[in-house]
């Protein structure tokens, strides 16, 4: 019995599986390269918030005024409290107007 076709098929399949595994590893590495983000309230311009901005708004782009206290923007983790606006600093929790 000739085992050569079986060996070639087995080798091809193992190369295919190894390639798929390497591609998946690279995808996971790219996912881990994204910097951590946090919600920062009171720093977005009117219509530029990332999502839910409280009563009267529904989601992204619905804030009514600049620096709306209940509108948030995603910023790199650890930077929110350092963002200075004309109304004060960014906040990790909603700011009462």
PDB file of N, CA and C in Angstrom:
ATOM      1  N   UNK A   1       0.841  -1.182   0.000  1.00  0.00           N
ATOM      2  CA  UNK A   1       0.000   0.000   0.000  1.00  0.00           C
ATOM      3  C   UNK A   1       0.887   1.246   0.000  1.00  0.00           C
ATOM      4  N   UNK A   2       0.566   2.184  -0.871  1.00  0.00           N
ATOM      5  CA  UNK A   2       1.356   3.400  -1.000  1.00  0.00           C
ATOM      6  C   UNK A   2       0.839   4.454  -0.021  1.00  0.00           C
ATOM      7  N   UNK A   3       1.679   4.864   0.915  1.00  0.00           N
ATOM      8  CA  UNK A   3       1.285   5.833   1.949  1.00  0.00           C
ATOM      9  C   UNK A   3       1.600   7.272   1.533  1.00  0.00           C
ATOM     10  N   UNK A   4       2.223   7.428   0.371  1.00  0.00           N
ATOM     11  CA  UNK A   4       2.644   8.761  -0.042  1.00  0.00           C
ATOM     12  C   UNK A   4       1.470   9.748  -0.173  1.00  0.00           C
ATOM     13  N   UNK A   5       0.369   9.428  -0.850  1.00  0.00           N
ATOM     14  CA  UNK A   5      -0.747  10.391  -0.938  1.00  0.00           C
ATOM     15  C   UNK A   5      -1.308  10.760   0.445  1.00  0.00           C
ATOM     16  N   UNK A   6      -1.364   9.782   1.325  1.00  0.00           N
ATOM     17  CA  UNK A   6      -1.856  10.053   2.676  1.00  0.00           C
ATOM     18  C   UNK A   6      -0.919  11.013   3.400  1.00  0.00           C
ATOM     19  N   UNK A   7       0.387  10.807   3.262  1.00  0.00           N
ATOM     20  CA  UNK A   7       1.376  11.656   3.922  1.00  0.00           C
ATOM     21  C   UNK A   7       1.305  13.091   3.387  1.00  0.00           C
ATOM     22  N   UNK A   8       1.160  13.238   2.077  1.00  0.00           N
ATOM     23  CA  UNK A   8       1.071  14.567   1.477  1.00  0.00           C
ATOM     24  C   UNK A   8      -0.183  15.278   1.965  1.00  0.00           C
ATOM     25  N   UNK A   9      -1.296  14.571   2.027  1.00  0.00           N
ATOM     26  CA  UNK A   9      -2.545  15.153   2.508  1.00  0.00           C
ATOM     27  C   UNK A   9      -2.418  15.564   3.966  1.00  0.00           C
ATOM     28  N   UNK A  10      -1.844  14.719   4.790  1.00  0.00           N
ATOM     29  CA  UNK A  10      -1.677  15.012   6.210  1.00  0.00           C
ATOM     30  C   UNK A  10      -0.773  16.230   6.404  1.00  0.00           C
ATOM     31  N   UNK A  11       0.307  16.308   5.626  1.00  0.00           N
ATOM     32  CA  UNK A  11       1.224  17.435   5.726  1.00  0.00           C
ATOM     33  C   UNK A  11       0.533  18.735   5.304  1.00  0.00           C
ATOM     34  N   UNK A  12      -0.246  18.673   4.244  1.00  0.00           N
ATOM     35  CA  UNK A  12      -0.972  19.861   3.769  1.00  0.00           C
ATOM     36  C   UNK A  12      -1.970  20.347   4.807  1.00  0.00           C
ATOM     37  N   UNK A  13      -2.713  19.429   5.383  1.00  0.00           N
ATOM     38  CA  UNK A  13      -3.694  19.805   6.402  1.00  0.00           C
ATOM     39  C   UNK A  13      -3.033  20.394   7.637  1.00  0.00           C
ATOM     40  N   UNK A  14      -1.921  19.834   8.050  1.00  0.00           N
ATOM     41  CA  UNK A  14      -1.254  20.366   9.240  1.00  0.00           C
ATOM     42  C   UNK A  14      -0.711  21.768   8.975  1.00  0.00           C
ATOM     43  N   UNK A  15      -0.230  22.034   7.765  1.00  0.00           N
ATOM     44  CA  UNK A  15       0.245  23.366   7.418  1.00  0.00           C
ATOM     45  C   UNK A  15      -0.915  24.365   7.412  1.00  0.00           C
ATOM     46  N   UNK A  16      -2.048  23.931   6.905  1.00  0.00           N
ATOM     47  CA  UNK A  16      -3.233  24.793   6.876  1.00  0.00           C
ATOM     48  C   UNK A  16      -3.695  25.139   8.289  1.00  0.00           C
ATOM     49  N   UNK A  17      -3.729  24.138   9.156  1.00  0.00           N
ATOM     50  CA  UNK A  17      -4.147  24.364  10.541  1.00  0.00           C
ATOM     51  C   UNK A  17      -3.153  25.279  11.260  1.00  0.00           C
ATOM     52  N   UNK A  18      -1.877  25.072  11.039  1.00  0.00           N
ATOM     53  CA  UNK A  18      -0.863  25.916  11.678  1.00  0.00           C
ATOM     54  C   UNK A  18      -0.990  27.362  11.208  1.00  0.00           C
ATOM     55  N   UNK A  19      -1.250  27.559   9.922  1.00  0.00           N
ATOM     56  CA  UNK A  19      -1.422  28.909   9.392  1.00  0.00           C
ATOM     57  C   UNK A  19      -2.626  29.604  10.000  1.00  0.00           C
ATOM     58  N   UNK A  20      -3.718  28.876  10.149  1.00  0.00           N
ATOM     59  CA  UNK A  20      -4.925  29.457  10.751  1.00  0.00           C
ATOM     60  C   UNK A  20      -4.675  29.826  12.208  1.00  0.00           C
ATOM     61  N   UNK A  21      -3.956  28.985  12.921  1.00  0.00           N
ATOM     62  CA  UNK A  21      -3.654  29.274  14.329  1.00  0.00           C
ATOM     63  C   UNK A  21      -2.781  30.511  14.453  1.00  0.00           C
ATOM     64  N   UNK A  22      -1.802  30.671  13.561  1.00  0.00           N
ATOM     65  CA  UNK A  22      -0.935  31.846  13.600  1.00  0.00           C
ATOM     66  C   UNK A  22      -1.721  33.110  13.286  1.00  0.00           C
ATOM     67  N   UNK A  23      -2.633  33.032  12.333  1.00  0.00           N
ATOM     68  CA  UNK A  23      -3.459  34.196  11.991  1.00  0.00           C
ATOM     69  C   UNK A  23      -4.328  34.613  13.173  1.00  0.00           C
ATOM     70  N   UNK A  24      -4.867  33.625  13.891  1.00  0.00           N
ATOM     71  CA  UNK A  24      -5.697  33.930  15.053  1.00  0.00           C
ATOM     72  C   UNK A  24      -4.859  34.584  16.153  1.00  0.00           C
ATOM     73  N   UNK A  25      -3.650  34.111  16.362  1.00  0.00           N
ATOM     74  CA  UNK A  25      -2.762  34.717  17.359  1.00  0.00           C
ATOM     75  C   UNK A  25      -2.467  36.171  17.027  1.00  0.00           C
ATOM     76  N   UNK A  26      -2.222  36.458  15.750  1.00  0.00           N
ATOM     77  CA  UNK A  26      -1.934  37.840  15.344  1.00  0.00           C
ATOM     78  C   UNK A  26      -3.146  38.726  15.562  1.00  0.00           C
ATOM     79  N   UNK A  27      -4.351  38.198  15.313  1.00  0.00           N
ATOM     80  CA  UNK A  27      -5.576  38.969  15.515  1.00  0.00           C
ATOM     81  C   UNK A  27      -5.737  39.294  16.997  1.00  0.00           C
ATOM     82  N   UNK A  28      -5.461  38.335  17.864  1.00  0.00           N
ATOM     83  CA  UNK A  28      -5.580  38.581  19.299  1.00  0.00           C
ATOM     84  C   UNK A  28      -4.542  39.601  19.756  1.00  0.00           C
ATOM     85  N   UNK A  29      -3.339  39.558  19.189  1.00  0.00           N
ATOM     86  CA  UNK A  29      -2.315  40.542  19.537  1.00  0.00           C
ATOM     87  C   UNK A  29      -2.773  41.946  19.164  1.00  0.00           C
ATOM     88  N   UNK A  30      -3.399  42.104  17.999  1.00  0.00           N
ATOM     89  CA  UNK A  30      -3.886  43.415  17.580  1.00  0.00           C
ATOM     90  C   UNK A  30      -4.976  43.915  18.512  1.00  0.00           C
ATOM     91  N   UNK A  31      -5.831  43.013  18.996  1.00  0.00           N
ATOM     92  CA  UNK A  31      -6.894  43.403  19.902  1.00  0.00           C
ATOM     93  C   UNK A  31      -6.313  43.905  21.216  1.00  0.00           C
ATOM     94  N   UNK A  32      -5.195  43.340  21.638  1.00  0.00           N
ATOM     95  CA  UNK A  32      -4.575  43.745  22.906  1.00  0.00           C
ATOM     96  C   UNK A  32      -3.781  45.035  22.764  1.00  0.00           C
ATOM     97  N   UNK A  33      -3.491  45.459  21.523  1.00  0.00           N
ATOM     98  CA  UNK A  33      -2.722  46.675  21.299  1.00  0.00           C
ATOM     99  C   UNK A  33      -3.554  47.933  21.500  1.00  0.00           C
ATOM    100  N   UNK A  34      -4.879  47.800  21.533  1.00  0.00           N
ATOM    101  CA  UNK A  34      -5.732  48.977  21.713  1.00  0.00           C
ATOM    102  C   UNK A  34      -5.551  49.523  23.127  1.00  0.00           C
ATOM    103  N   UNK A  35      -5.379  50.828  23.253  1.00  0.00           N
ATOM    104  CA  UNK A  35      -5.229  51.397  24.594  1.00  0.00           C
ATOM    105  C   UNK A  35      -6.547  51.323  25.359  1.00  0.00           C
ATOM    106  N   UNK A  36      -6.449  51.199  26.654  1.00  0.00           N
ATOM    107  CA  UNK A  36      -7.648  51.190  27.500  1.00  0.00           C
ATOM    108  C   UNK A  36      -8.311  52.556  27.405  1.00  0.00           C
ATOM    109  N   UNK A  37      -9.630  52.543  27.370  1.00  0.00           N
ATOM    110  CA  UNK A  37     -10.387  53.790  27.251  1.00  0.00           C
ATOM    111  C   UNK A  37     -11.310  53.937  28.459  1.00  0.00           C
ATOM    112  N   UNK A  38     -11.726  55.190  28.726  1.00  0.00           N
ATOM    113  CA  UNK A  38     -12.674  55.445  29.800  1.00  0.00           C
ATOM    114  C   UNK A  38     -13.642  56.537  29.355  1.00  0.00           C
ATOM    115  N   UNK A  39     -14.826  56.528  29.961  1.00  0.00           N
ATOM    116  CA  UNK A  39     -15.824  57.560  29.682  1.00  0.00           C
ATOM    117  C   UNK A  39     -15.427  58.818  30.435  1.00  0.00           C
ATOM    118  N   UNK A  40     -15.412  59.937  29.721  1.00  0.00           N
ATOM    119  CA  UNK A  40     -15.066  61.211  30.335  1.00  0.00           C
ATOM    120  C   UNK A  40     -16.214  62.183  30.085  1.00  0.00           C
ATOM    121  N   UNK A  41     -16.844  62.622  31.145  1.00  0.00           N
ATOM    122  CA  UNK A  41     -18.003  63.508  31.072  1.00  0.00           C
ATOM    123  C   UNK A  41     -17.593  64.975  31.031  1.00  0.00           C
ATOM    124  N   UNK A  42     -18.381  65.765  30.295  1.00  0.00           N
ATOM    125  CA  UNK A  42     -18.194  67.209  30.273  1.00  0.00           C
ATOM    126  C   UNK A  42     -17.097  67.712  29.366  1.00  0.00           C
ATOM    127  N   UNK A  43     -16.608  66.883  28.453  1.00  0.00           N
ATOM    128  CA  UNK A  43     -15.508  67.320  27.592  1.00  0.00           C
ATOM    129  C   UNK A  43     -15.863  67.354  26.112  1.00  0.00           C
ATOM    130  N   UNK A  44     -17.028  66.845  25.732  1.00  0.00           N
ATOM    131  CA  UNK A  44     -17.364  66.788  24.307  1.00  0.00           C
ATOM    132  C   UNK A  44     -18.041  68.070  23.836  1.00  0.00           C
ATOM    133  N   UNK A  45     -17.847  68.342  22.571  1.00  0.00           N
ATOM    134  CA  UNK A  45     -18.504  69.480  21.949  1.00  0.00           C
ATOM    135  C   UNK A  45     -19.924  69.062  21.564  1.00  0.00           C
ATOM    136  N   UNK A  46     -20.798  70.020  21.340  1.00  0.00           N
ATOM    137  CA  UNK A  46     -22.184  69.727  20.959  1.00  0.00           C
ATOM    138  C   UNK A  46     -22.201  68.811  19.742  1.00  0.00           C
ATOM    139  N   UNK A  47     -22.957  67.725  19.859  1.00  0.00           N
ATOM    140  CA  UNK A  47     -23.084  66.778  18.763  1.00  0.00           C
ATOM    141  C   UNK A  47     -21.897  65.869  18.557  1.00  0.00           C
ATOM    142  N   UNK A  48     -20.917  65.898  19.443  1.00  0.00           N
ATOM    143  CA  UNK A  48     -19.710  65.084  19.288  1.00  0.00           C
ATOM    144  C   UNK A  48     -19.525  64.071  20.410  1.00  0.00           C
ATOM    145  N   UNK A  49     -20.541  63.869  21.246  1.00  0.00           N
ATOM    146  CA  UNK A  49     -20.422  62.891  22.333  1.00  0.00           C
ATOM    147  C   UNK A  49     -20.429  61.477  21.753  1.00  0.00           C
ATOM    148  N   UNK A  50     -19.890  60.524  22.510  1.00  0.00           N
ATOM    149  CA  UNK A  50     -19.819  59.150  22.022  1.00  0.00           C
ATOM    150  C   UNK A  50     -21.105  58.373  22.251  1.00  0.00           C
ATOM    151  N   UNK A  51     -21.830  58.631  23.314  1.00  0.00           N
ATOM    152  CA  UNK A  51     -23.107  57.953  23.489  1.00  0.00           C
ATOM    153  C   UNK A  51     -23.923  58.605  24.587  1.00  0.00           C
ATOM    154  N   UNK A  52     -24.967  57.896  25.032  1.00  0.00           N
ATOM    155  CA  UNK A  52     -26.003  58.406  25.946  1.00  0.00           C
ATOM    156  C   UNK A  52     -25.563  59.608  26.756  1.00  0.00           C
ATOM    157  N   UNK A  53     -26.298  60.678  26.571  1.00  0.00           N
ATOM    158  CA  UNK A  53     -25.970  61.923  27.254  1.00  0.00           C
ATOM    159  C   UNK A  53     -27.100  62.377  28.159  1.00  0.00           C
ATOM    160  N   UNK A  54     -27.851  61.449  28.673  1.00  0.00           N
ATOM    161  CA  UNK A  54     -28.903  61.795  29.618  1.00  0.00           C
ATOM    162  C   UNK A  54     -30.201  62.219  28.960  1.00  0.00           C
ATOM    163  N   UNK A  55     -31.108  62.790  29.760  1.00  0.00           N
ATOM    164  CA  UNK A  55     -32.422  63.185  29.254  1.00  0.00           C
ATOM    165  C   UNK A  55     -32.325  64.110  28.046  1.00  0.00           C
ATOM    166  N   UNK A  56     -33.147  63.825  27.051  1.00  0.00           N
ATOM    167  CA  UNK A  56     -33.165  64.650  25.853  1.00  0.00           C
ATOM    168  C   UNK A  56     -32.199  64.188  24.776  1.00  0.00           C
ATOM    169  N   UNK A  57     -31.388  63.192  25.079  1.00  0.00           N
ATOM    170  CA  UNK A  57     -30.452  62.664  24.088  1.00  0.00           C
ATOM    171  C   UNK A  57     -30.571  61.147  24.063  1.00  0.00           C
ATOM    172  N   UNK A  58     -30.127  60.535  22.999  1.00  0.00           N
ATOM    173  CA  UNK A  58     -30.229  59.084  22.900  1.00  0.00           C
ATOM    174  C   UNK A  58     -28.876  58.412  22.785  1.00  0.00           C
ATOM    175  N   UNK A  59     -28.040  58.889  21.907  1.00  0.00           N
ATOM    176  CA  UNK A  59     -26.736  58.247  21.770  1.00  0.00           C
ATOM    177  C   UNK A  59     -25.755  59.172  21.062  1.00  0.00           C
ATOM    178  N   UNK A  60     -24.782  58.591  20.399  1.00  0.00           N
ATOM    179  CA  UNK A  60     -23.691  59.352  19.802  1.00  0.00           C
ATOM    180  C   UNK A  60     -24.177  60.548  18.997  1.00  0.00           C
ATOM    181  N   UNK A  61     -23.539  61.664  19.222  1.00  0.00           N
ATOM    182  CA  UNK A  61     -23.816  62.870  18.460  1.00  0.00           C
ATOM    183  C   UNK A  61     -25.076  63.609  18.836  1.00  0.00           C
ATOM    184  N   UNK A  62     -25.650  63.349  20.014  1.00  0.00           N
ATOM    185  CA  UNK A  62     -26.927  63.982  20.368  1.00  0.00           C
ATOM    186  C   UNK A  62     -26.827  64.998  21.502  1.00  0.00           C
ATOM    187  N   UNK A  63     -25.620  65.298  21.962  1.00  0.00           N
ATOM    188  CA  UNK A  63     -25.517  66.321  23.017  1.00  0.00           C
ATOM    189  C   UNK A  63     -25.920  67.669  22.431  1.00  0.00           C
ATOM    190  N   UNK A  64     -26.506  68.497  23.267  1.00  0.00           N
ATOM    191  CA  UNK A  64     -27.095  69.759  22.794  1.00  0.00           C
ATOM    192  C   UNK A  64     -26.169  70.965  22.902  1.00  0.00           C
ATOM    193  N   UNK A  65     -25.242  70.939  23.852  1.00  0.00           N
ATOM    194  CA  UNK A  65     -24.348  72.080  24.067  1.00  0.00           C
ATOM    195  C   UNK A  65     -22.914  71.590  24.256  1.00  0.00           C
ATOM    196  N   UNK A  66     -21.969  72.482  24.052  1.00  0.00           N
ATOM    197  CA  UNK A  66     -20.567  72.152  24.316  1.00  0.00           C
ATOM    198  C   UNK A  66     -20.381  71.850  25.798  1.00  0.00           C
ATOM    199  N   UNK A  67     -19.572  70.864  26.096  1.00  0.00           N
ATOM    200  CA  UNK A  67     -19.195  70.482  27.465  1.00  0.00           C
ATOM    201  C   UNK A  67     -20.389  70.089  28.331  1.00  0.00           C
ATOM    202  N   UNK A  68     -21.418  69.517  27.707  1.00  0.00           N
ATOM    203  CA  UNK A  68     -22.608  69.073  28.446  1.00  0.00           C
ATOM    204  C   UNK A  68     -22.187  68.084  29.526  1.00  0.00           C
ATOM    205  N   UNK A  69     -22.589  68.348  30.755  1.00  0.00           N
ATOM    206  CA  UNK A  69     -22.126  67.574  31.907  1.00  0.00           C
ATOM    207  C   UNK A  69     -22.524  66.113  31.930  1.00  0.00           C
ATOM    208  N   UNK A  70     -23.615  65.745  31.241  1.00  0.00           N
ATOM    209  CA  UNK A  70     -24.018  64.339  31.253  1.00  0.00           C
ATOM    210  C   UNK A  70     -23.696  63.651  29.934  1.00  0.00           C
ATOM    211  N   UNK A  71     -22.920  64.297  29.075  1.00  0.00           N
ATOM    212  CA  UNK A  71     -22.470  63.706  27.813  1.00  0.00           C
ATOM    213  C   UNK A  71     -21.033  63.245  27.990  1.00  0.00           C
ATOM    214  N   UNK A  72     -20.730  62.051  27.473  1.00  0.00           N
ATOM    215  CA  UNK A  72     -19.367  61.563  27.639  1.00  0.00           C
ATOM    216  C   UNK A  72     -18.690  61.294  26.311  1.00  0.00           C
ATOM    217  N   UNK A  73     -17.382  61.266  26.369  1.00  0.00           N
ATOM    218  CA  UNK A  73     -16.522  60.983  25.227  1.00  0.00           C
ATOM    219  C   UNK A  73     -15.509  59.951  25.693  1.00  0.00           C
ATOM    220  N   UNK A  74     -15.201  58.950  24.861  1.00  0.00           N
ATOM    221  CA  UNK A  74     -14.161  57.984  25.203  1.00  0.00           C
ATOM    222  C   UNK A  74     -12.799  58.649  25.051  1.00  0.00           C
ATOM    223  N   UNK A  75     -11.984  58.532  26.088  1.00  0.00           N
ATOM    224  CA  UNK A  75     -10.626  59.078  26.077  1.00  0.00           C
ATOM    225  C   UNK A  75      -9.685  58.004  26.610  1.00  0.00           C
ATOM    226  N   UNK A  76      -8.391  58.092  26.325  1.00  0.00           N
ATOM    227  CA  UNK A  76      -7.451  57.111  26.872  1.00  0.00           C
ATOM    228  C   UNK A  76      -7.530  57.080  28.404  1.00  0.00           C
ATOM    229  N   UNK A  77      -7.514  55.881  28.963  1.00  0.00           N
ATOM    230  CA  UNK A  77      -7.613  55.713  30.414  1.00  0.00           C
ATOM    231  C   UNK A  77      -6.545  56.538  31.128  1.00  0.00           C
ATOM    232  N   UNK A  78      -6.977  57.202  32.194  1.00  0.00           N
ATOM    233  CA  UNK A  78      -6.060  57.991  33.006  1.00  0.00           C
ATOM    234  C   UNK A  78      -5.911  59.437  32.563  1.00  0.00           C
ATOM    235  N   UNK A  79      -6.592  59.837  31.478  1.00  0.00           N
ATOM    236  CA  UNK A  79      -6.428  61.209  30.996  1.00  0.00           C
ATOM    237  C   UNK A  79      -7.628  62.109  31.282  1.00  0.00           C
ATOM    238  N   UNK A  80      -8.755  61.545  31.634  1.00  0.00           N
ATOM    239  CA  UNK A  80      -9.981  62.320  31.774  1.00  0.00           C
ATOM    240  C   UNK A  80      -9.821  63.504  32.731  1.00  0.00           C
ATOM    241  N   UNK A  81      -9.339  63.253  33.904  1.00  0.00           N
ATOM    242  CA  UNK A  81      -9.261  64.301  34.928  1.00  0.00           C
ATOM    243  C   UNK A  81      -8.244  65.383  34.573  1.00  0.00           C
ATOM    244  N   UNK A  82      -7.444  65.159  33.530  1.00  0.00           N
ATOM    245  CA  UNK A  82      -6.456  66.164  33.129  1.00  0.00           C
ATOM    246  C   UNK A  82      -6.948  67.025  31.970  1.00  0.00           C
ATOM    247  N   UNK A  83      -8.141  66.720  31.441  1.00  0.00           N
ATOM    248  CA  UNK A  83      -8.677  67.485  30.312  1.00  0.00           C
ATOM    249  C   UNK A  83      -9.353  68.748  30.834  1.00  0.00           C
ATOM    250  N   UNK A  84      -8.791  69.894  30.455  1.00  0.00           N
ATOM    251  CA  UNK A  84      -9.311  71.185  30.920  1.00  0.00           C
ATOM    252  C   UNK A  84     -10.275  71.751  29.876  1.00  0.00           C
ATOM    253  N   UNK A  85     -11.426  72.222  30.339  1.00  0.00           N
ATOM    254  CA  UNK A  85     -12.418  72.854  29.476  1.00  0.00           C
ATOM    255  C   UNK A  85     -12.745  74.231  30.053  1.00  0.00           C
ATOM    256  N   UNK A  86     -13.460  75.062  29.323  1.00  0.00           N
ATOM    257  CA  UNK A  86     -13.844  76.367  29.869  1.00  0.00           C
ATOM    258  C   UNK A  86     -14.736  76.251  31.108  1.00  0.00           C
ATOM    259  N   UNK A  87     -15.347  75.095  31.312  1.00  0.00           N
ATOM    260  CA  UNK A  87     -16.236  74.914  32.465  1.00  0.00           C
ATOM    261  C   UNK A  87     -15.585  74.135  33.592  1.00  0.00           C
ATOM    262  N   UNK A  88     -14.340  73.727  33.441  1.00  0.00           N
ATOM    263  CA  UNK A  88     -13.653  72.949  34.465  1.00  0.00           C
ATOM    264  C   UNK A  88     -12.916  71.765  33.864  1.00  0.00           C
ATOM    265  N   UNK A  89     -12.702  70.754  34.684  1.00  0.00           N
ATOM    266  CA  UNK A  89     -11.965  69.574  34.244  1.00  0.00           C
ATOM    267  C   UNK A  89     -12.947  68.464  33.859  1.00  0.00           C
ATOM    268  N   UNK A  90     -12.447  67.502  33.060  1.00  0.00           N
ATOM    269  CA  UNK A  90     -13.231  66.327  32.722  1.00  0.00           C
ATOM    270  C   UNK A  90     -13.533  65.533  33.979  1.00  0.00           C
ATOM    271  N   UNK A  91     -14.585  64.699  33.933  1.00  0.00           N
ATOM    272  CA  UNK A  91     -14.997  63.936  35.097  1.00  0.00           C
ATOM    273  C   UNK A  91     -15.329  62.503  34.709  1.00  0.00           C
ATOM    274  N   UNK A  92     -15.029  61.567  35.605  1.00  0.00           N
ATOM    275  CA  UNK A  92     -15.351  60.166  35.367  1.00  0.00           C
ATOM    276  C   UNK A  92     -16.823  59.847  35.663  1.00  0.00           C
ATOM    277  N   UNK A  93     -17.537  60.811  36.229  1.00  0.00           N
ATOM    278  CA  UNK A  93     -18.973  60.635  36.484  1.00  0.00           C
ATOM    279  C   UNK A  93     -19.703  61.864  35.945  1.00  0.00           C
ATOM    280  N   UNK A  94     -20.993  61.721  35.656  1.00  0.00           N
ATOM    281  CA  UNK A  94     -21.745  62.853  35.107  1.00  0.00           C
ATOM    282  C   UNK A  94     -21.641  64.097  35.990  1.00  0.00           C
ATOM    283  N   UNK A  95     -21.572  65.230  35.337  1.00  0.00           N
ATOM    284  CA  UNK A  95     -21.472  66.511  36.033  1.00  0.00           C
ATOM    285  C   UNK A  95     -22.856  67.156  36.024  1.00  0.00           C
ATOM    286  N   UNK A  96     -23.335  67.544  37.191  1.00  0.00           N
ATOM    287  CA  UNK A  96     -24.638  68.207  37.244  1.00  0.00           C
ATOM    288  C   UNK A  96     -24.511  69.617  36.717  1.00  0.00           C
ATOM    289  N   UNK A  97     -25.458  69.979  35.854  1.00  0.00           N
ATOM    290  CA  UNK A  97     -25.444  71.319  35.251  1.00  0.00           C
ATOM    291  C   UNK A  97     -26.179  72.299  36.108  1.00  0.00           C
TER     292      UNK A  97
END
